PDB file of N, CA and C in Angstrom:
ATOM      1  N   LYS A   1       0.858  -1.383  -0.014  1.00  0.00           N
ATOM      2  CA  LYS A   1      -0.050   0.097   0.149  1.00  0.00           C
ATOM      3  C   LYS A   1       0.758   1.320  -0.054  1.00  0.00           C
ATOM      4  N   ILE A   2       0.755   1.944  -1.176  1.00  0.00           N
ATOM      5  CA  ILE A   2       1.608   3.252  -1.201  1.00  0.00           C
ATOM      6  C   ILE A   2       0.739   4.819  -0.526  1.00  0.00           C
ATOM      7  N   PRO A   3       1.343   5.459   0.319  1.00  0.00           N
ATOM      8  CA  PRO A   3       0.793   6.527   0.870  1.00  0.00           C
ATOM      9  C   PRO A   3       0.276   7.399  -0.108  1.00  0.00           C
ATOM     10  N   LYS A   4      -1.020   8.629   0.151  1.00  0.00           N
ATOM     11  CA  LYS A   4      -1.072   9.607  -0.702  1.00  0.00           C
ATOM     12  C   LYS A   4       0.084  10.515  -0.429  1.00  0.00           C
ATOM     13  N   SER A   5       1.269  10.568   0.221  1.00  0.00           N
ATOM     14  CA  SER A   5       2.057  11.581   0.441  1.00  0.00           C
ATOM     15  C   SER A   5       3.245  11.058  -0.294  1.00  0.00           C
ATOM     16  N   PHE A   6       2.958   9.735  -1.105  1.00  0.00           N
ATOM     17  CA  PHE A   6       4.471   9.418  -1.440  1.00  0.00           C
ATOM     18  C   PHE A   6       4.421  10.573  -3.038  1.00  0.00           C
ATOM     19  N   SER A   7       3.236  10.993  -3.559  1.00  0.00           N
ATOM     20  CA  SER A   7       3.364  11.772  -4.501  1.00  0.00           C
ATOM     21  C   SER A   7       4.389  13.336  -4.187  1.00  0.00           C
ATOM     22  N   ASP A   8       4.658  13.478  -3.155  1.00  0.00           N
ATOM     23  CA  ASP A   8       4.893  14.462  -2.755  1.00  0.00           C
ATOM     24  C   ASP A   8       6.991  14.421  -2.950  1.00  0.00           C
ATOM     25  N   TRP A   9       7.269  12.882  -2.983  1.00  0.00           N
ATOM     26  CA  TRP A   9       8.828  12.568  -3.306  1.00  0.00           C
ATOM     27  C   TRP A   9       9.200  13.269  -4.343  1.00  0.00           C
ATOM     28  N   ARG A  10      10.587  13.385  -3.785  1.00  0.00           N
ATOM     29  CA  ARG A  10      11.374  14.569  -4.806  1.00  0.00           C
ATOM     30  C   ARG A  10      11.510  13.904  -6.065  1.00  0.00           C
ATOM     31  N   TYR A  11      11.682  12.729  -5.751  1.00  0.00           N
ATOM     32  CA  TYR A  11      11.910  12.252  -7.195  1.00  0.00           C
ATOM     33  C   TYR A  11      10.721  11.298  -7.988  1.00  0.00           C
ATOM     34  N   PHE A  12       9.535  11.745  -7.547  1.00  0.00           N
ATOM     35  CA  PHE A  12       8.307  11.217  -7.886  1.00  0.00           C
ATOM     36  C   PHE A  12       7.903  11.567  -9.633  1.00  0.00           C
ATOM     37  N   ASN A  13       8.512  12.390 -10.130  1.00  0.00           N
ATOM     38  CA  ASN A  13       8.029  13.034 -11.515  1.00  0.00           C
ATOM     39  C   ASN A  13       9.119  12.560 -12.149  1.00  0.00           C
ATOM     40  N   ASP A  14      10.656  11.703 -12.067  1.00  0.00           N
ATOM     41  CA  ASP A  14      11.194  10.772 -12.487  1.00  0.00           C
ATOM     42  C   ASP A  14      10.744   9.682 -12.834  1.00  0.00           C
ATOM     43  N   ALA A  15      10.587   9.502 -14.336  1.00  0.00           N
ATOM     44  CA  ALA A  15      10.193   8.064 -13.846  1.00  0.00           C
ATOM     45  C   ALA A  15      11.147   6.694 -13.711  1.00  0.00           C
ATOM     46  N   ASN A  16      12.657   6.848 -14.069  1.00  0.00           N
ATOM     47  CA  ASN A  16      13.514   6.077 -13.736  1.00  0.00           C
ATOM     48  C   ASN A  16      13.790   5.734 -12.242  1.00  0.00           C
ATOM     49  N   TYR A  17      13.892   7.084 -11.851  1.00  0.00           N
ATOM     50  CA  TYR A  17      13.600   6.942 -10.197  1.00  0.00           C
ATOM     51  C   TYR A  17      12.447   6.298  -9.273  1.00  0.00           C
ATOM     52  N   LEU A  18      10.965   6.873  -9.868  1.00  0.00           N
ATOM     53  CA  LEU A  18      10.069   6.058  -9.339  1.00  0.00           C
ATOM     54  C   LEU A  18      10.156   4.209  -9.734  1.00  0.00           C
ATOM     55  N   LYS A  19      10.290   3.876 -11.399  1.00  0.00           N
ATOM     56  CA  LYS A  19      10.302   2.446 -11.270  1.00  0.00           C
ATOM     57  C   LYS A  19      11.517   2.053 -10.401  1.00  0.00           C
ATOM     58  N   VAL A  20      12.284   1.864 -10.314  1.00  0.00           N
ATOM     59  CA  VAL A  20      13.762   1.998  -9.619  1.00  0.00           C
ATOM     60  C   VAL A  20      13.177   1.725  -8.031  1.00  0.00           C
ATOM     61  N   TYR A  21      12.485   2.722  -7.196  1.00  0.00           N
ATOM     62  CA  TYR A  21      12.499   2.649  -6.285  1.00  0.00           C
ATOM     63  C   TYR A  21      11.049   1.658  -5.921  1.00  0.00           C
ATOM     64  N   ILE A  22      10.033   1.806  -6.647  1.00  0.00           N
ATOM     65  CA  ILE A  22       8.983   1.086  -6.627  1.00  0.00           C
ATOM     66  C   ILE A  22       9.244  -0.362  -6.887  1.00  0.00           C
ATOM     67  N   PHE A  23      10.563  -0.881  -7.464  1.00  0.00           N
ATOM     68  CA  PHE A  23      10.807  -2.770  -7.828  1.00  0.00           C
ATOM     69  C   PHE A  23      11.522  -2.682  -6.366  1.00  0.00           C
ATOM     70  N   LEU A  24      12.409  -1.947  -5.707  1.00  0.00           N
ATOM     71  CA  LEU A  24      12.833  -1.993  -4.466  1.00  0.00           C
ATOM     72  C   LEU A  24      11.786  -2.572  -3.267  1.00  0.00           C
ATOM     73  N   LEU A  25      10.720  -1.578  -3.979  1.00  0.00           N
ATOM     74  CA  LEU A  25       9.941  -2.163  -2.502  1.00  0.00           C
ATOM     75  C   LEU A  25       9.335  -3.130  -2.526  1.00  0.00           C
ATOM     76  N   MET A  26       9.171  -3.736  -3.888  1.00  0.00           N
ATOM     77  CA  MET A  26       8.457  -4.562  -4.253  1.00  0.00           C
ATOM     78  C   MET A  26       8.785  -5.797  -3.829  1.00  0.00           C
ATOM     79  N   GLU A  27      10.527  -5.995  -4.360  1.00  0.00           N
ATOM     80  CA  GLU A  27      11.154  -7.028  -4.096  1.00  0.00           C
ATOM     81  C   GLU A  27      12.269  -7.446  -2.321  1.00  0.00           C
ATOM     82  N   ALA A  28      11.920  -6.538  -1.985  1.00  0.00           N
ATOM     83  CA  ALA A  28      12.106  -6.032  -0.114  1.00  0.00           C
ATOM     84  C   ALA A  28      11.700  -7.243   0.258  1.00  0.00           C
ATOM     85  N   GLU A  29      12.112  -8.031   1.378  1.00  0.00           N
ATOM     86  CA  GLU A  29      11.712  -8.757   2.042  1.00  0.00           C
ATOM     87  C   GLU A  29      10.362  -8.761   3.215  1.00  0.00           C
ATOM     88  N   VAL A  30       9.575  -9.318   3.297  1.00  0.00           N
ATOM     89  CA  VAL A  30       8.530  -8.786   4.114  1.00  0.00           C
ATOM     90  C   VAL A  30       8.634  -8.927   5.487  1.00  0.00           C
ATOM     91  N   THR A  31       9.523  -9.899   5.780  1.00  0.00           N
ATOM     92  CA  THR A  31       9.673 -10.577   7.080  1.00  0.00           C
ATOM     93  C   THR A  31      11.819 -10.997   7.360  1.00  0.00           C
ATOM     94  N   GLU A  32      11.829 -11.257   8.276  1.00  0.00           N
ATOM     95  CA  GLU A  32      13.409 -11.744   8.350  1.00  0.00           C
ATOM     96  C   GLU A  32      13.470 -12.941   7.617  1.00  0.00           C
ATOM     97  N   CYS A  33      14.284 -13.305   6.928  1.00  0.00           N
ATOM     98  CA  CYS A  33      14.495 -14.466   6.398  1.00  0.00           C
ATOM     99  C   CYS A  33      15.715 -15.000   5.061  1.00  0.00           C
ATOM    100  N   LYS A  34      16.285 -16.302   5.047  1.00  0.00           N
ATOM    101  CA  LYS A  34      17.529 -16.165   4.498  1.00  0.00           C
ATOM    102  C   LYS A  34      17.234 -16.182   3.025  1.00  0.00           C
ATOM    103  N   CYS A  35      18.117 -15.203   2.391  1.00  0.00           N
ATOM    104  CA  CYS A  35      17.847 -15.663   0.514  1.00  0.00           C
ATOM    105  C   CYS A  35      18.073 -16.756   0.201  1.00  0.00           C
ATOM    106  N   LYS A  36      17.254 -16.955  -0.466  1.00  0.00           N
ATOM    107  CA  LYS A  36      17.939 -18.398  -1.325  1.00  0.00           C
ATOM    108  C   LYS A  36      18.410 -18.369  -2.558  1.00  0.00           C
ATOM    109  N   VAL A  37      18.819 -17.332  -2.851  1.00  0.00           N
ATOM    110  CA  VAL A  37      19.777 -17.063  -4.278  1.00  0.00           C
ATOM    111  C   VAL A  37      21.358 -16.761  -3.613  1.00  0.00           C
ATOM    112  N   HIS A  38      21.187 -15.847  -2.265  1.00  0.00           N
ATOM    113  CA  HIS A  38      22.695 -15.580  -2.086  1.00  0.00           C
ATOM    114  C   HIS A  38      23.147 -16.242  -0.652  1.00  0.00           C
ATOM    115  N   ASP A  39      22.125 -16.871  -0.063  1.00  0.00           N
ATOM    116  CA  ASP A  39      22.791 -17.424   1.461  1.00  0.00           C
ATOM    117  C   ASP A  39      22.775 -16.322   2.527  1.00  0.00           C
ATOM    118  N   VAL A  40      22.356 -15.788   2.573  1.00  0.00           N
ATOM    119  CA  VAL A  40      22.213 -14.316   3.267  1.00  0.00           C
ATOM    120  C   VAL A  40      21.092 -14.134   4.043  1.00  0.00           C
ATOM    121  N   MET A  41      21.342 -14.002   5.333  1.00  0.00           N
ATOM    122  CA  MET A  41      20.036 -13.299   6.238  1.00  0.00           C
ATOM    123  C   MET A  41      19.621 -11.735   5.769  1.00  0.00           C
ATOM    124  N   LEU A  42      18.323 -11.898   5.811  1.00  0.00           N
ATOM    125  CA  LEU A  42      18.002 -10.876   5.001  1.00  0.00           C
ATOM    126  C   LEU A  42      17.127 -10.292   6.572  1.00  0.00           C
ATOM    127  N   LYS A  43      16.882  -8.785   6.576  1.00  0.00           N
ATOM    128  CA  LYS A  43      15.972  -8.154   7.398  1.00  0.00           C
ATOM    129  C   LYS A  43      14.788  -7.587   6.573  1.00  0.00           C
ATOM    130  N   ARG A  44      13.849  -7.403   7.467  1.00  0.00           N
ATOM    131  CA  ARG A  44      12.480  -6.854   6.671  1.00  0.00           C
ATOM    132  C   ARG A  44      13.061  -5.287   5.934  1.00  0.00           C
ATOM    133  N   GLY A  45      12.714  -5.170   4.757  1.00  0.00           N
ATOM    134  CA  GLY A  45      13.083  -4.147   3.830  1.00  0.00           C
ATOM    135  C   GLY A  45      14.254  -4.317   3.014  1.00  0.00           C
ATOM    136  N   GLN A  46      15.002  -5.309   3.497  1.00  0.00           N
ATOM    137  CA  GLN A  46      16.102  -5.700   2.824  1.00  0.00           C
ATOM    138  C   GLN A  46      15.512  -6.732   1.453  1.00  0.00           C
ATOM    139  N   LEU A  47      16.703  -6.451   0.411  1.00  0.00           N
ATOM    140  CA  LEU A  47      17.197  -7.268  -0.799  1.00  0.00           C
ATOM    141  C   LEU A  47      18.759  -7.401  -0.967  1.00  0.00           C
ATOM    142  N   ALA A  48      18.836  -8.592  -1.513  1.00  0.00           N
ATOM    143  CA  ALA A  48      20.134  -8.723  -2.476  1.00  0.00           C
ATOM    144  C   ALA A  48      20.094  -9.344  -3.539  1.00  0.00           C
ATOM    145  N   VAL A  49      20.469  -8.098  -4.039  1.00  0.00           N
ATOM    146  CA  VAL A  49      20.237  -7.927  -5.670  1.00  0.00           C
ATOM    147  C   VAL A  49      22.154  -7.634  -6.109  1.00  0.00           C
ATOM    148  N   THR A  50      21.917  -7.990  -7.719  1.00  0.00           N
ATOM    149  CA  THR A  50      23.193  -7.796  -8.270  1.00  0.00           C
ATOM    150  C   THR A  50      22.474  -7.104  -9.186  1.00  0.00           C
ATOM    151  N   TYR A  51      23.781  -5.597  -9.683  1.00  0.00           N
ATOM    152  CA  TYR A  51      23.417  -4.569 -10.771  1.00  0.00           C
ATOM    153  C   TYR A  51      22.867  -5.361 -11.915  1.00  0.00           C
ATOM    154  N   SER A  52      23.636  -6.287 -12.503  1.00  0.00           N
ATOM    155  CA  SER A  52      23.094  -7.097 -13.519  1.00  0.00           C
ATOM    156  C   SER A  52      21.683  -7.451 -13.785  1.00  0.00           C
ATOM    157  N   TYR A  53      20.873  -7.884 -12.398  1.00  0.00           N
ATOM    158  CA  TYR A  53      19.652  -8.284 -12.370  1.00  0.00           C
ATOM    159  C   TYR A  53      18.715  -7.010 -12.226  1.00  0.00           C
ATOM    160  N   LEU A  54      19.175  -5.886 -11.943  1.00  0.00           N
ATOM    161  CA  LEU A  54      18.502  -4.609 -11.746  1.00  0.00           C
ATOM    162  C   LEU A  54      18.392  -4.146 -13.201  1.00  0.00           C
ATOM    163  N   CYS A  55      19.329  -4.660 -14.091  1.00  0.00           N
ATOM    164  CA  CYS A  55      19.439  -3.620 -15.176  1.00  0.00           C
ATOM    165  C   CYS A  55      18.629  -4.652 -15.852  1.00  0.00           C
ATOM    166  N   SER A  56      18.159  -6.049 -16.039  1.00  0.00           N
ATOM    167  CA  SER A  56      17.742  -6.621 -16.871  1.00  0.00           C
ATOM    168  C   SER A  56      16.723  -6.726 -16.119  1.00  0.00           C
ATOM    169  N   SER A  57      16.348  -6.511 -15.279  1.00  0.00           N
ATOM    170  CA  SER A  57      14.309  -6.636 -14.623  1.00  0.00           C
ATOM    171  C   SER A  57      14.185  -5.048 -15.060  1.00  0.00           C
ATOM    172  N   LEU A  58      15.186  -3.850 -14.955  1.00  0.00           N
ATOM    173  CA  LEU A  58      14.284  -2.550 -14.871  1.00  0.00           C
ATOM    174  C   LEU A  58      14.217  -2.049 -16.278  1.00  0.00           C
ATOM    175  N   ASN A  59      15.432  -2.880 -17.556  1.00  0.00           N
ATOM    176  CA  ASN A  59      15.312  -2.336 -18.440  1.00  0.00           C
ATOM    177  C   ASN A  59      16.276  -0.996 -18.924  1.00  0.00           C
ATOM    178  N   LEU A  60      17.062  -1.093 -17.846  1.00  0.00           N
ATOM    179  CA  LEU A  60      18.219   0.293 -17.716  1.00  0.00           C
ATOM    180  C   LEU A  60      19.779  -0.174 -17.847  1.00  0.00           C
ATOM    181  N   SER A  61      20.237   1.104 -17.974  1.00  0.00           N
ATOM    182  CA  SER A  61      21.942   0.788 -18.093  1.00  0.00           C
ATOM    183  C   SER A  61      22.462   0.508 -16.918  1.00  0.00           C
ATOM    184  N   GLU A  62      23.384   0.198 -16.475  1.00  0.00           N
ATOM    185  CA  GLU A  62      24.470  -0.227 -15.306  1.00  0.00           C
ATOM    186  C   GLU A  62      24.778   1.333 -14.514  1.00  0.00           C
ATOM    187  N   LYS A  63      24.925   2.290 -15.680  1.00  0.00           N
ATOM    188  CA  LYS A  63      25.245   3.476 -15.389  1.00  0.00           C
ATOM    189  C   LYS A  63      24.284   4.219 -14.783  1.00  0.00           C
ATOM    190  N   GLN A  64      22.623   4.285 -15.341  1.00  0.00           N
ATOM    191  CA  GLN A  64      21.636   4.504 -15.117  1.00  0.00           C
ATOM    192  C   GLN A  64      21.193   4.067 -13.438  1.00  0.00           C
ATOM    193  N   ILE A  65      21.518   2.819 -13.420  1.00  0.00           N
ATOM    194  CA  ILE A  65      21.461   2.089 -11.949  1.00  0.00           C
ATOM    195  C   ILE A  65      21.865   2.417 -10.850  1.00  0.00           C
ATOM    196  N   ARG A  66      23.610   2.571 -11.090  1.00  0.00           N
ATOM    197  CA  ARG A  66      24.180   2.994 -10.323  1.00  0.00           C
ATOM    198  C   ARG A  66      24.313   4.501  -9.976  1.00  0.00           C
ATOM    199  N   LEU A  67      23.818   5.602 -11.179  1.00  0.00           N
ATOM    200  CA  LEU A  67      23.472   6.882 -10.550  1.00  0.00           C
ATOM    201  C   LEU A  67      22.311   7.106  -9.844  1.00  0.00           C
ATOM    202  N   ILE A  68      21.620   6.158 -10.160  1.00  0.00           N
ATOM    203  CA  ILE A  68      20.002   6.201  -9.219  1.00  0.00           C
ATOM    204  C   ILE A  68      20.243   5.546  -7.845  1.00  0.00           C
ATOM    205  N   LEU A  69      20.874   4.923  -7.337  1.00  0.00           N
ATOM    206  CA  LEU A  69      21.223   4.282  -6.440  1.00  0.00           C
ATOM    207  C   LEU A  69      22.122   5.130  -5.304  1.00  0.00           C
ATOM    208  N   LYS A  70      22.725   5.581  -5.871  1.00  0.00           N
ATOM    209  CA  LYS A  70      23.548   6.256  -5.481  1.00  0.00           C
ATOM    210  C   LYS A  70      22.817   7.607  -4.854  1.00  0.00           C
ATOM    211  N   ARG A  71      22.261   8.614  -5.315  1.00  0.00           N
ATOM    212  CA  ARG A  71      21.499   9.287  -5.294  1.00  0.00           C
ATOM    213  C   ARG A  71      20.467   9.336  -4.369  1.00  0.00           C
ATOM    214  N   LEU A  72      19.943   7.795  -4.465  1.00  0.00           N
ATOM    215  CA  LEU A  72      18.956   7.090  -3.084  1.00  0.00           C
ATOM    216  C   LEU A  72      19.905   7.356  -1.714  1.00  0.00           C
ATOM    217  N   LYS A  73      21.148   6.859  -2.201  1.00  0.00           N
ATOM    218  CA  LYS A  73      21.673   6.603  -0.845  1.00  0.00           C
ATOM    219  C   LYS A  73      21.731   7.503  -0.117  1.00  0.00           C
ATOM    220  N   GLY A  74      21.563   7.168   1.494  1.00  0.00           N
ATOM    221  CA  GLY A  74      21.371   7.998   2.219  1.00  0.00           C
ATOM    222  C   GLY A  74      19.982   8.689   2.927  1.00  0.00           C
ATOM    223  N   THR A  75      19.486   8.614   2.092  1.00  0.00           N
ATOM    224  CA  THR A  75      18.048   9.373   2.481  1.00  0.00           C
ATOM    225  C   THR A  75      16.962   8.199   2.543  1.00  0.00           C
ATOM    226  N   GLU A  76      17.012   7.578   1.222  1.00  0.00           N
ATOM    227  CA  GLU A  76      15.720   6.419   0.943  1.00  0.00           C
ATOM    228  C   GLU A  76      16.429   5.168   1.352  1.00  0.00           C
ATOM    229  N   ILE A  77      17.660   4.557   0.799  1.00  0.00           N
ATOM    230  CA  ILE A  77      18.061   3.248   1.122  1.00  0.00           C
ATOM    231  C   ILE A  77      19.439   3.334   1.323  1.00  0.00           C
ATOM    232  N   GLU A  78      20.042   2.356   1.788  1.00  0.00           N
ATOM    233  CA  GLU A  78      21.617   2.211   2.346  1.00  0.00           C
ATOM    234  C   GLU A  78      21.806   0.916   1.850  1.00  0.00           C
ATOM    235  N   ILE A  79      22.975   1.019   1.317  1.00  0.00           N
ATOM    236  CA  ILE A  79      23.497   0.130   0.261  1.00  0.00           C
ATOM    237  C   ILE A  79      25.138  -1.111   1.146  1.00  0.00           C
ATOM    238  N   GLU A  80      24.932  -1.985   1.305  1.00  0.00           N
ATOM    239  CA  GLU A  80      26.297  -2.685   1.915  1.00  0.00           C
ATOM    240  C   GLU A  80      26.861  -3.427   0.245  1.00  0.00           C
ATOM    241  N   ILE A  81      28.150  -3.427  -0.050  1.00  0.00           N
ATOM    242  CA  ILE A  81      28.200  -4.267  -1.513  1.00  0.00           C
ATOM    243  C   ILE A  81      29.324  -5.257  -0.916  1.00  0.00           C
ATOM    244  N   THR A  82      29.084  -6.304  -1.660  1.00  0.00           N
ATOM    245  CA  THR A  82      29.930  -7.415  -1.746  1.00  0.00           C
ATOM    246  C   THR A  82      30.356  -8.197  -2.732  1.00  0.00           C
ATOM    247  N   HIS A  83      31.605  -8.811  -3.013  1.00  0.00           N
ATOM    248  CA  HIS A  83      31.866  -9.451  -4.202  1.00  0.00           C
ATOM    249  C   HIS A  83      30.814  -9.546  -5.259  1.00  0.00           C
ATOM    250  N   PHE A  84      30.100 -10.129  -4.395  1.00  0.00           N
ATOM    251  CA  PHE A  84      28.735 -10.900  -5.470  1.00  0.00           C
ATOM    252  C   PHE A  84      27.773 -10.118  -5.614  1.00  0.00           C
ATOM    253  N   TYR A  85      27.095  -9.928  -4.348  1.00  0.00           N
ATOM    254  CA  TYR A  85      25.965  -8.919  -4.482  1.00  0.00           C
ATOM    255  C   TYR A  85      25.503  -7.326  -3.658  1.00  0.00           C
ATOM    256  N   SER A  86      24.603  -7.019  -3.588  1.00  0.00           N
ATOM    257  CA  SER A  86      24.612  -5.752  -2.920  1.00  0.00           C
ATOM    258  C   SER A  86      23.228  -5.981  -1.549  1.00  0.00           C
ATOM    259  N   ILE A  87      23.119  -5.432  -0.892  1.00  0.00           N
ATOM    260  CA  ILE A  87      22.240  -5.782   0.394  1.00  0.00           C
ATOM    261  C   ILE A  87      21.704  -4.196   0.363  1.00  0.00           C
ATOM    262  N   ILE A  88      20.668  -4.191  -0.118  1.00  0.00           N
ATOM    263  CA  ILE A  88      19.937  -2.890   0.173  1.00  0.00           C
ATOM    264  C   ILE A  88      18.684  -2.544   1.069  1.00  0.00           C
ATOM    265  N   THR A  89      18.868  -1.673   1.869  1.00  0.00           N
ATOM    266  CA  THR A  89      17.784  -1.398   2.839  1.00  0.00           C
ATOM    267  C   THR A  89      17.165  -0.226   2.627  1.00  0.00           C
ATOM    268  N   LEU A  90      15.793  -1.037   2.364  1.00  0.00           N
ATOM    269  CA  LEU A  90      14.912   0.275   2.267  1.00  0.00           C
ATOM    270  C   LEU A  90      14.527   0.976   3.362  1.00  0.00           C
ATOM    271  N   LEU A  91      15.348   2.225   3.592  1.00  0.00           N
ATOM    272  CA  LEU A  91      15.410   2.860   5.333  1.00  0.00           C
ATOM    273  C   LEU A  91      13.567   3.540   5.633  1.00  0.00           C
ATOM    274  N   GLU A  92      12.829   3.670   4.788  1.00  0.00           N
ATOM    275  CA  GLU A  92      11.275   4.042   4.798  1.00  0.00           C
ATOM    276  C   GLU A  92      10.268   2.816   4.693  1.00  0.00           C
ATOM    277  N   TYR A  93      11.055   1.760   4.736  1.00  0.00           N
ATOM    278  CA  TYR A  93       9.822   0.390   4.353  1.00  0.00           C
ATOM    279  C   TYR A  93       8.898   0.453   5.260  1.00  0.00           C
ATOM    280  N   ASP A  94       8.538   0.654   6.485  1.00  0.00           N
ATOM    281  CA  ASP A  94       7.543   0.714   7.187  1.00  0.00           C
ATOM    282  C   ASP A  94       6.459   1.534   6.926  1.00  0.00           C
ATOM    283  N   LYS A  95       6.975   2.600   6.365  1.00  0.00           N
ATOM    284  CA  LYS A  95       5.949   3.532   5.706  1.00  0.00           C
ATOM    285  C   LYS A  95       4.780   2.482   4.665  1.00  0.00           C
ATOM    286  N   PHE A  96       5.373   1.892   3.772  1.00  0.00           N
ATOM    287  CA  PHE A  96       4.572   1.139   2.559  1.00  0.00           C
ATOM    288  C   PHE A  96       4.297   0.026   3.418  1.00  0.00           C
ATOM    289  N   LYS A  97       3.118  -0.403   3.774  1.00  0.00           N
ATOM    290  CA  LYS A  97       2.211  -1.495   4.122  1.00  0.00           C
ATOM    291  C   LYS A  97       1.054  -2.228   3.521  1.00  0.00           C
TER     292      LYS A  97
END
């Protein structure tokens, strides 16, 4: 469920930012669990992804994905990068129920 105030989000009118953020919301874990693909424990509001997975899923270039994630970092998301995948934490995940 997306709150009405989401339309006031600073990136709401940028289709690529909106596409990436909503994709992250949909892919984030609802409860704490072990990620089957990467064998890592994820908390509520986290997901483990690769840039190539994001690129193919969203039909965006790696450069576009990296720029969008860089701009979202610190306010909307946190990113922990490993050699094989990135763990993305949605900081406002509990707003979306």
